[in-house]
Amino acid sequence: SIPVSATMPAATASASPTPTPAPATNATSFDSFVASRKAGFAQAGVYVPINVSFWKNQRRLNTLFIAPLAKGGVMTITGNKQTAEATVFGDDDVYNFFSFGIRVGHFRYRRLTNPCPLNAEGVPTRPSPPNDDCEVNEDYAPELVSWLDITRGKWENFDLMELTDLVDAAGNPIRRPVRRWRWQAEGRLKIPETPFLVGFDGNFGKGPDDLRFGFGIRFDVGRVLRTLKIADALEKEQAQPKENPQPTPAK
């Protein structure tokens, strides 16, 4: 589910014959709250990591990095479409967003059979003269283990209905949608020696805020398919009839 900014329910009419005076409008107040909606979510981004620390664990190189980050995407709700934006533009079930910031994360590289020695700064380097059997991780993409994103951007699902100083023909205050710059914090932490992740997503700014915690699992699809192929090959090998060797006749 995703958070969406929804309009406050209208107040019920008073049974008193004396009309209630309309409240004065205030251009700085908001008439919104956050509601949860089931949704589909797609996100893409780019970051340029700069390794700042190196260490080895179980013969695998690990690095801590910091990176500038830009990301964006779309979210589409599947249930109730009564949101703040829908009151003005009709039912809107697709929301876009973008943000810019930094990412701090943990990379883990593949295990090397013959890793190169570390230099004085703890960075693996090829010796001089070079040793052909010595391996470094420079030719392999690392695995992103855990990360924390701090970004600032705009989210359409957090559009607010701001009161203006104008009124319509019936004397009702006119509201307009406002999209503010907001802060987002997103973190994922892998539980060691397991495929499980814990994390949180927070969105903060003027108007409603949202904070969510989650629990999930990550796995390598390629590794799963490779394991299934190996298991299938072993099953076929075991299903084939084995030839019994003929005894050697005695001389």
C-alpha atoms as a PDB file:
ATOM      1  CA  SER A   1       0.000   0.000   0.000  1.00  0.00           C
ATOM      2  CA  ILE A   2       1.008   3.631  -0.513  1.00  0.00           C
ATOM      3  CA  PRO A   3       0.032   6.833   1.309  1.00  0.00           C
ATOM      4  CA  VAL A   4      -2.278   9.267  -0.480  1.00  0.00           C
ATOM      5  CA  SER A   5      -3.481  12.685   0.589  1.00  0.00           C
ATOM      6  CA  ALA A   6      -7.264  12.514   0.914  1.00  0.00           C
ATOM      7  CA  THR A   7      -9.837  15.189   1.618  1.00  0.00           C
ATOM      8  CA  MET A   8     -11.400  15.515   5.046  1.00  0.00           C
ATOM      9  CA  PRO A   9     -15.012  14.305   5.201  1.00  0.00           C
ATOM     10  CA  ALA A  10     -17.564  17.095   4.956  1.00  0.00           C
ATOM     11  CA  ALA A  11     -19.171  18.206   8.198  1.00  0.00           C
ATOM     12  CA  THR A  12     -22.821  17.265   8.733  1.00  0.00           C
ATOM     13  CA  ALA A  13     -25.394  20.034   8.503  1.00  0.00           C
ATOM     14  CA  SER A  14     -26.746  21.475  11.728  1.00  0.00           C
ATOM     15  CA  ALA A  15     -30.435  20.967  12.598  1.00  0.00           C
ATOM     16  CA  SER A  16     -30.633  24.438  14.146  1.00  0.00           C
ATOM     17  CA  PRO A  17     -32.811  26.902  12.195  1.00  0.00           C
ATOM     18  CA  THR A  18     -30.195  29.576  12.814  1.00  0.00           C
ATOM     19  CA  PRO A  19     -27.647  29.484   9.993  1.00  0.00           C
ATOM     20  CA  THR A  20     -24.075  28.935  11.079  1.00  0.00           C
ATOM     21  CA  PRO A  21     -21.720  31.605   9.759  1.00  0.00           C
ATOM     22  CA  ALA A  22     -19.122  30.344   7.305  1.00  0.00           C
ATOM     23  CA  PRO A  23     -15.623  30.197   8.788  1.00  0.00           C
ATOM     24  CA  ALA A  24     -13.066  32.625   7.493  1.00  0.00           C
ATOM     25  CA  THR A  25     -10.727  31.159   4.904  1.00  0.00           C
ATOM     26  CA  ASN A  26      -7.057  30.834   5.634  1.00  0.00           C
ATOM     27  CA  ALA A  27      -4.592  30.479   2.767  1.00  0.00           C
ATOM     28  CA  THR A  28      -2.092  28.614   4.950  1.00  0.00           C
ATOM     29  CA  SER A  29      -4.371  25.837   6.269  1.00  0.00           C
ATOM     30  CA  PHE A  30      -4.838  22.444   4.675  1.00  0.00           C
ATOM     31  CA  ASP A  31      -7.886  20.217   4.457  1.00  0.00           C
ATOM     32  CA  SER A  32      -6.158  16.869   3.954  1.00  0.00           C
ATOM     33  CA  PHE A  33      -5.078  13.709   5.723  1.00  0.00           C
ATOM     34  CA  VAL A  34      -3.112  10.604   4.769  1.00  0.00           C
ATOM     35  CA  ALA A  35      -4.924   7.383   3.877  1.00  0.00           C
ATOM     36  CA  SER A  36      -3.555   4.014   2.737  1.00  0.00           C
ATOM     37  CA  ARG A  37      -4.420   2.626  -0.693  1.00  0.00           C
ATOM     38  CA  LYS A  38      -3.417  -0.641  -2.324  1.00  0.00           C
ATOM     39  CA  ALA A  39      -1.178   0.128  -5.282  1.00  0.00           C
ATOM     40  CA  GLY A  40       1.338  -0.974  -7.843  1.00  0.00           C
ATOM     41  CA  PHE A  41       4.740   0.708  -7.689  1.00  0.00           C
ATOM     42  CA  ALA A  42       7.543   1.133 -10.246  1.00  0.00           C
ATOM     43  CA  GLN A  43      10.753   3.053  -9.606  1.00  0.00           C
ATOM     44  CA  ALA A  44      13.977   3.703 -11.525  1.00  0.00           C
ATOM     45  CA  GLY A  45      17.051   5.665 -10.602  1.00  0.00           C
ATOM     46  CA  VAL A  46      20.774   6.168 -10.956  1.00  0.00           C
ATOM     47  CA  TYR A  47      23.547   6.597  -8.400  1.00  0.00           C
ATOM     48  CA  VAL A  48      27.327   6.879  -8.654  1.00  0.00           C
ATOM     49  CA  PRO A  49      28.961   5.085  -5.695  1.00  0.00           C
ATOM     50  CA  ILE A  50      32.261   6.200  -4.192  1.00  0.00           C
ATOM     51  CA  ASN A  51      33.813   3.576  -1.932  1.00  0.00           C
ATOM     52  CA  VAL A  52      35.057   5.013   1.336  1.00  0.00           C
ATOM     53  CA  SER A  53      35.893   1.889   3.378  1.00  0.00           C
ATOM     54  CA  PHE A  54      37.044  -1.687   2.644  1.00  0.00           C
ATOM     55  CA  TRP A  55      37.051  -4.870   4.695  1.00  0.00           C
ATOM     56  CA  LYS A  56      37.059  -8.630   4.120  1.00  0.00           C
ATOM     57  CA  ASN A  57      34.685 -11.201   5.558  1.00  0.00           C
ATOM     58  CA  GLN A  58      34.819 -14.924   4.691  1.00  0.00           C
ATOM     59  CA  ARG A  59      37.250 -14.175   1.862  1.00  0.00           C
ATOM     60  CA  ARG A  60      34.776 -11.702   0.317  1.00  0.00           C
ATOM     61  CA  LEU A  61      35.524  -8.037  -0.196  1.00  0.00           C
ATOM     62  CA  ASN A  62      33.008  -5.597   1.352  1.00  0.00           C
ATOM     63  CA  THR A  63      32.850  -1.833   0.883  1.00  0.00           C
ATOM     64  CA  LEU A  64      30.967   1.067   2.397  1.00  0.00           C
ATOM     65  CA  PHE A  65      30.022   3.705  -0.183  1.00  0.00           C
ATOM     66  CA  ILE A  66      28.333   7.083  -0.527  1.00  0.00           C
ATOM     67  CA  ALA A  67      26.690   8.196  -3.757  1.00  0.00           C
ATOM     68  CA  PRO A  68      24.686  11.038  -5.307  1.00  0.00           C
ATOM     69  CA  LEU A  69      21.259   9.692  -6.194  1.00  0.00           C
ATOM     70  CA  ALA A  70      18.375  10.588  -8.517  1.00  0.00           C
ATOM     71  CA  LYS A  71      15.211   8.525  -8.794  1.00  0.00           C
ATOM     72  CA  GLY A  72      11.624   8.722  -9.972  1.00  0.00           C
ATOM     73  CA  GLY A  73       8.669   6.552 -10.781  1.00  0.00           C
ATOM     74  CA  VAL A  74       4.928   6.027 -10.814  1.00  0.00           C
ATOM     75  CA  MET A  75       2.392   4.550  -8.412  1.00  0.00           C
ATOM     76  CA  THR A  76      -1.112   3.429  -9.338  1.00  0.00           C
ATOM     77  CA  ILE A  77      -3.845   2.763  -6.796  1.00  0.00           C
ATOM     78  CA  THR A  78      -6.316  -0.047  -7.374  1.00  0.00           C
ATOM     79  CA  GLY A  79      -9.040   0.703  -4.822  1.00  0.00           C
ATOM     80  CA  ASN A  80     -10.881   3.794  -3.656  1.00  0.00           C
ATOM     81  CA  LYS A  81      -9.883   6.820  -5.752  1.00  0.00           C
ATOM     82  CA  GLN A  82     -11.359   9.497  -3.478  1.00  0.00           C
ATOM     83  CA  THR A  83      -8.160  11.462  -2.941  1.00  0.00           C
ATOM     84  CA  ALA A  84      -7.399  15.146  -2.583  1.00  0.00           C
ATOM     85  CA  GLU A  85      -6.473  15.481  -6.244  1.00  0.00           C
ATOM     86  CA  ALA A  86      -9.532  13.537  -7.396  1.00  0.00           C
ATOM     87  CA  THR A  87     -11.867  16.141  -5.887  1.00  0.00           C
ATOM     88  CA  VAL A  88     -10.540  18.676  -8.405  1.00  0.00           C
ATOM     89  CA  PHE A  89      -9.494  16.672 -11.466  1.00  0.00           C
ATOM     90  CA  GLY A  90     -11.740  13.615 -11.148  1.00  0.00           C
ATOM     91  CA  ASP A  91     -10.610  10.078 -10.382  1.00  0.00           C
ATOM     92  CA  ASP A  92      -6.828   9.963 -10.638  1.00  0.00           C
ATOM     93  CA  ASP A  93      -5.219   6.590  -9.970  1.00  0.00           C
ATOM     94  CA  VAL A  94      -1.669   7.166 -11.279  1.00  0.00           C
ATOM     95  CA  TYR A  95       0.813   9.319  -9.351  1.00  0.00           C
ATOM     96  CA  ASN A  96       4.324  10.322 -10.352  1.00  0.00           C
ATOM     97  CA  PHE A  97       7.250  11.352  -8.161  1.00  0.00           C
ATOM     98  CA  PHE A  98      10.906  12.325  -8.366  1.00  0.00           C
ATOM     99  CA  SER A  99      13.621  13.113  -5.832  1.00  0.00           C
ATOM    100  CA  PHE A 100      17.345  13.839  -5.530  1.00  0.00           C
ATOM    101  CA  GLY A 101      19.746  13.193  -2.681  1.00  0.00           C
ATOM    102  CA  ILE A 102      22.390  10.801  -1.423  1.00  0.00           C
ATOM    103  CA  ARG A 103      22.664   7.072  -0.753  1.00  0.00           C
ATOM    104  CA  VAL A 104      24.874   5.408   1.833  1.00  0.00           C
ATOM    105  CA  GLY A 105      25.193   1.675   1.353  1.00  0.00           C
ATOM    106  CA  HIS A 106      27.074  -1.591   1.664  1.00  0.00           C
ATOM    107  CA  PHE A 107      28.479  -3.505  -1.311  1.00  0.00           C
ATOM    108  CA  ARG A 108      29.599  -7.140  -1.220  1.00  0.00           C
ATOM    109  CA  TYR A 109      31.724  -8.624  -3.995  1.00  0.00           C
ATOM    110  CA  ARG A 110      32.035 -12.177  -5.265  1.00  0.00           C
ATOM    111  CA  ARG A 111      34.308 -14.573  -3.416  1.00  0.00           C
ATOM    112  CA  LEU A 112      37.699 -14.873  -5.093  1.00  0.00           C
ATOM    113  CA  THR A 113      39.673 -18.098  -5.230  1.00  0.00           C
ATOM    114  CA  ASN A 114      43.010 -16.259  -5.157  1.00  0.00           C
ATOM    115  CA  PRO A 115      42.498 -12.644  -4.050  1.00  0.00           C
ATOM    116  CA  CYS A 116      45.196 -10.049  -4.558  1.00  0.00           C
ATOM    117  CA  PRO A 117      46.980  -8.708  -1.473  1.00  0.00           C
ATOM    118  CA  LEU A 118      45.814  -5.483   0.165  1.00  0.00           C
ATOM    119  CA  ASN A 119      47.932  -2.364   0.094  1.00  0.00           C
ATOM    120  CA  ALA A 120      48.590  -0.058   3.045  1.00  0.00           C
ATOM    121  CA  GLU A 121      45.149   1.558   2.577  1.00  0.00           C
ATOM    122  CA  GLY A 122      43.344  -1.784   2.622  1.00  0.00           C
ATOM    123  CA  VAL A 123      42.590  -1.779  -1.119  1.00  0.00           C
ATOM    124  CA  PRO A 124      43.283  -4.972  -3.120  1.00  0.00           C
ATOM    125  CA  THR A 125      45.910  -4.287  -5.807  1.00  0.00           C
ATOM    126  CA  ARG A 126      47.841  -6.382  -8.287  1.00  0.00           C
ATOM    127  CA  PRO A 127      51.469  -6.922  -7.273  1.00  0.00           C
ATOM    128  CA  SER A 128      54.359  -5.774  -9.403  1.00  0.00           C
ATOM    129  CA  PRO A 129      55.349  -7.700 -11.430  1.00  0.00           C
ATOM    130  CA  PRO A 130      51.707  -8.751 -11.979  1.00  0.00           C
ATOM    131  CA  ASN A 131      50.631 -12.228 -10.991  1.00  0.00           C
ATOM    132  CA  ASP A 132      48.245 -13.765 -13.532  1.00  0.00           C
ATOM    133  CA  ASP A 133      46.670 -15.952 -10.850  1.00  0.00           C
ATOM    134  CA  CYS A 134      45.869 -12.971  -8.622  1.00  0.00           C
ATOM    135  CA  GLU A 135      42.212 -11.787  -8.780  1.00  0.00           C
ATOM    136  CA  VAL A 136      40.540  -8.497  -7.952  1.00  0.00           C
ATOM    137  CA  ASN A 137      36.859  -7.583  -8.088  1.00  0.00           C
ATOM    138  CA  GLU A 138      37.247  -4.768 -10.584  1.00  0.00           C
ATOM    139  CA  ASP A 139      35.571  -6.756 -13.395  1.00  0.00           C
ATOM    140  CA  TYR A 140      32.499  -7.852 -11.448  1.00  0.00           C
ATOM    141  CA  ALA A 141      29.388  -5.968 -10.368  1.00  0.00           C
ATOM    142  CA  PRO A 142      28.947  -5.937  -6.574  1.00  0.00           C
ATOM    143  CA  GLU A 143      25.858  -7.009  -4.677  1.00  0.00           C
ATOM    144  CA  LEU A 144      23.929  -4.218  -2.944  1.00  0.00           C
ATOM    145  CA  VAL A 145      23.349  -5.523   0.584  1.00  0.00           C
ATOM    146  CA  SER A 146      21.947  -2.635   2.645  1.00  0.00           C
ATOM    147  CA  TRP A 147      21.326   1.036   1.994  1.00  0.00           C
ATOM    148  CA  LEU A 148      19.910   4.308   3.301  1.00  0.00           C
ATOM    149  CA  ASP A 149      18.519   7.020   0.988  1.00  0.00           C
ATOM    150  CA  ILE A 150      17.959  10.627   2.021  1.00  0.00           C
ATOM    151  CA  THR A 151      16.307  12.580  -0.800  1.00  0.00           C
ATOM    152  CA  ARG A 152      14.214  15.673  -1.437  1.00  0.00           C
ATOM    153  CA  GLY A 153      11.546  15.855  -4.133  1.00  0.00           C
ATOM    154  CA  LYS A 154       7.872  16.076  -5.023  1.00  0.00           C
ATOM    155  CA  TRP A 155       5.238  13.345  -4.753  1.00  0.00           C
ATOM    156  CA  GLU A 156       1.896  13.656  -6.529  1.00  0.00           C
ATOM    157  CA  ASN A 157       0.163  11.418  -3.996  1.00  0.00           C
ATOM    158  CA  PHE A 158       0.917  14.035  -1.319  1.00  0.00           C
ATOM    159  CA  ASP A 159      -0.846  16.872  -3.119  1.00  0.00           C
ATOM    160  CA  LEU A 160      -2.611  19.086  -0.590  1.00  0.00           C
ATOM    161  CA  MET A 161      -5.848  21.023  -0.977  1.00  0.00           C
ATOM    162  CA  GLU A 162      -4.939  24.515   0.171  1.00  0.00           C
ATOM    163  CA  LEU A 163      -7.613  27.052   1.093  1.00  0.00           C
ATOM    164  CA  THR A 164      -7.542  30.295  -0.867  1.00  0.00           C
ATOM    165  CA  ASP A 165      -9.054  33.709  -0.166  1.00  0.00           C
ATOM    166  CA  LEU A 166     -11.576  33.212  -2.990  1.00  0.00           C
ATOM    167  CA  VAL A 167     -15.116  31.858  -2.840  1.00  0.00           C
ATOM    168  CA  ASP A 168     -17.403  30.428  -5.502  1.00  0.00           C
ATOM    169  CA  ALA A 169     -20.859  31.652  -6.491  1.00  0.00           C
ATOM    170  CA  ALA A 170     -22.454  29.779  -3.594  1.00  0.00           C
ATOM    171  CA  GLY A 171     -20.085  31.364  -1.091  1.00  0.00           C
ATOM    172  CA  ASN A 172     -18.023  28.216  -0.516  1.00  0.00           C
ATOM    173  CA  PRO A 173     -14.253  28.646  -0.149  1.00  0.00           C
ATOM    174  CA  ILE A 174     -12.207  27.614  -3.157  1.00  0.00           C
ATOM    175  CA  ARG A 175      -9.325  25.188  -2.697  1.00  0.00           C
ATOM    176  CA  ARG A 176      -6.433  24.494  -5.023  1.00  0.00           C
ATOM    177  CA  PRO A 177      -4.004  21.547  -5.132  1.00  0.00           C
ATOM    178  CA  VAL A 178      -0.478  22.326  -3.954  1.00  0.00           C
ATOM    179  CA  ARG A 179       2.556  20.090  -4.379  1.00  0.00           C
ATOM    180  CA  ARG A 180       5.262  20.888  -1.848  1.00  0.00           C
ATOM    181  CA  TRP A 181       8.908  19.881  -1.729  1.00  0.00           C
ATOM    182  CA  ARG A 182       9.240  17.059   0.786  1.00  0.00           C
ATOM    183  CA  TRP A 183      11.945  14.908   2.410  1.00  0.00           C
ATOM    184  CA  GLN A 184      12.083  11.132   1.997  1.00  0.00           C
ATOM    185  CA  ALA A 185      14.097   8.648   4.043  1.00  0.00           C
ATOM    186  CA  GLU A 186      14.251   5.038   2.835  1.00  0.00           C
ATOM    187  CA  GLY A 187      16.341   2.338   4.474  1.00  0.00           C
ATOM    188  CA  ARG A 188      16.868  -1.395   3.996  1.00  0.00           C
ATOM    189  CA  LEU A 189      18.993  -3.564   6.286  1.00  0.00           C
ATOM    190  CA  LYS A 190      19.833  -7.170   5.440  1.00  0.00           C
ATOM    191  CA  ILE A 191      19.781  -9.599   8.361  1.00  0.00           C
ATOM    192  CA  PRO A 192      23.215 -11.312   8.328  1.00  0.00           C
ATOM    193  CA  GLU A 193      23.408 -14.886   7.023  1.00  0.00           C
ATOM    194  CA  THR A 194      19.752 -14.781   5.863  1.00  0.00           C
ATOM    195  CA  PRO A 195      17.904 -13.530   2.754  1.00  0.00           C
ATOM    196  CA  PHE A 196      15.584 -11.405   4.914  1.00  0.00           C
ATOM    197  CA  LEU A 197      15.387  -7.617   4.991  1.00  0.00           C
ATOM    198  CA  VAL A 198      13.901  -5.112   7.403  1.00  0.00           C
ATOM    199  CA  GLY A 199      13.330  -1.523   6.424  1.00  0.00           C
ATOM    200  CA  PHE A 200      11.351   1.658   6.644  1.00  0.00           C
ATOM    201  CA  ASP A 201       9.987   4.388   4.369  1.00  0.00           C
ATOM    202  CA  GLY A 202       9.343   7.899   5.628  1.00  0.00           C
ATOM    203  CA  ASN A 203       7.965  10.958   3.843  1.00  0.00           C
ATOM    204  CA  PHE A 204       8.037  14.264   5.697  1.00  0.00           C
ATOM    205  CA  GLY A 205       7.115  17.834   4.890  1.00  0.00           C
ATOM    206  CA  LYS A 206       4.462  20.496   5.302  1.00  0.00           C
ATOM    207  CA  GLY A 207       1.094  18.839   5.731  1.00  0.00           C
ATOM    208  CA  PRO A 208       0.588  15.136   6.490  1.00  0.00           C
ATOM    209  CA  ASP A 209       3.620  12.907   7.113  1.00  0.00           C
ATOM    210  CA  ASP A 210       3.937   9.163   6.624  1.00  0.00           C
ATOM    211  CA  LEU A 211       6.190   6.512   8.211  1.00  0.00           C
ATOM    212  CA  ARG A 212       6.033   2.800   7.372  1.00  0.00           C
ATOM    213  CA  PHE A 213       8.026  -0.271   8.405  1.00  0.00           C
ATOM    214  CA  GLY A 214       8.420  -3.404   6.357  1.00  0.00           C
ATOM    215  CA  PHE A 215       9.822  -6.928   6.329  1.00  0.00           C
ATOM    216  CA  GLY A 216      10.755  -8.826   3.176  1.00  0.00           C
ATOM    217  CA  ILE A 217      13.019 -11.256   1.384  1.00  0.00           C
ATOM    218  CA  ARG A 218      15.507 -10.782  -1.470  1.00  0.00           C
ATOM    219  CA  PHE A 219      16.882 -13.533  -3.670  1.00  0.00           C
ATOM    220  CA  ASP A 220      18.924 -13.861  -6.849  1.00  0.00           C
ATOM    221  CA  VAL A 221      16.638 -15.133  -9.624  1.00  0.00           C
ATOM    222  CA  GLY A 222      19.610 -16.284 -11.687  1.00  0.00           C
ATOM    223  CA  ARG A 223      20.946 -18.348  -8.787  1.00  0.00           C
ATOM    224  CA  VAL A 224      17.516 -19.924  -8.226  1.00  0.00           C
ATOM    225  CA  LEU A 225      17.209 -20.884 -11.903  1.00  0.00           C
ATOM    226  CA  ARG A 226      20.761 -22.269 -11.893  1.00  0.00           C
ATOM    227  CA  THR A 227      19.952 -24.401  -8.828  1.00  0.00           C
ATOM    228  CA  LEU A 228      16.796 -25.724 -10.498  1.00  0.00           C
ATOM    229  CA  LYS A 229      18.742 -26.660 -13.634  1.00  0.00           C
ATOM    230  CA  ILE A 230      21.334 -28.530 -11.576  1.00  0.00           C
ATOM    231  CA  ALA A 231      18.606 -30.378  -9.682  1.00  0.00           C
ATOM    232  CA  ASP A 232      16.877 -31.291 -12.959  1.00  0.00           C
ATOM    233  CA  ALA A 233      20.135 -32.601 -14.435  1.00  0.00           C
ATOM    234  CA  LEU A 234      20.802 -34.759 -11.358  1.00  0.00           C
ATOM    235  CA  GLU A 235      17.261 -36.147 -11.482  1.00  0.00           C
ATOM    236  CA  LYS A 236      17.641 -37.123 -15.144  1.00  0.00           C
ATOM    237  CA  GLU A 237      21.001 -38.739 -14.428  1.00  0.00           C
ATOM    238  CA  GLN A 238      19.532 -40.790 -11.598  1.00  0.00           C
ATOM    239  CA  ALA A 239      16.598 -41.857 -13.791  1.00  0.00           C
ATOM    240  CA  GLN A 240      18.844 -43.336 -16.484  1.00  0.00           C
ATOM    241  CA  PRO A 241      19.443 -47.135 -16.138  1.00  0.00           C
ATOM    242  CA  LYS A 242      22.947 -48.008 -15.143  1.00  0.00           C
ATOM    243  CA  GLU A 243      24.826 -50.691 -17.109  1.00  0.00           C
ATOM    244  CA  ASN A 244      26.133 -53.558 -15.024  1.00  0.00           C
ATOM    245  CA  PRO A 245      29.757 -54.346 -15.834  1.00  0.00           C
ATOM    246  CA  GLN A 246      30.319 -57.842 -17.254  1.00  0.00           C
ATOM    247  CA  PRO A 247      32.525 -60.069 -15.101  1.00  0.00           C
ATOM    248  CA  THR A 248      35.931 -60.848 -16.536  1.00  0.00           C
ATOM    249  CA  PRO A 249      36.107 -64.550 -17.509  1.00  0.00           C
ATOM    250  CA  ALA A 250      38.663 -66.588 -15.629  1.00  0.00           C
ATOM    251  CA  LYS A 251      41.691 -67.805 -17.582  1.00  0.00           C
END
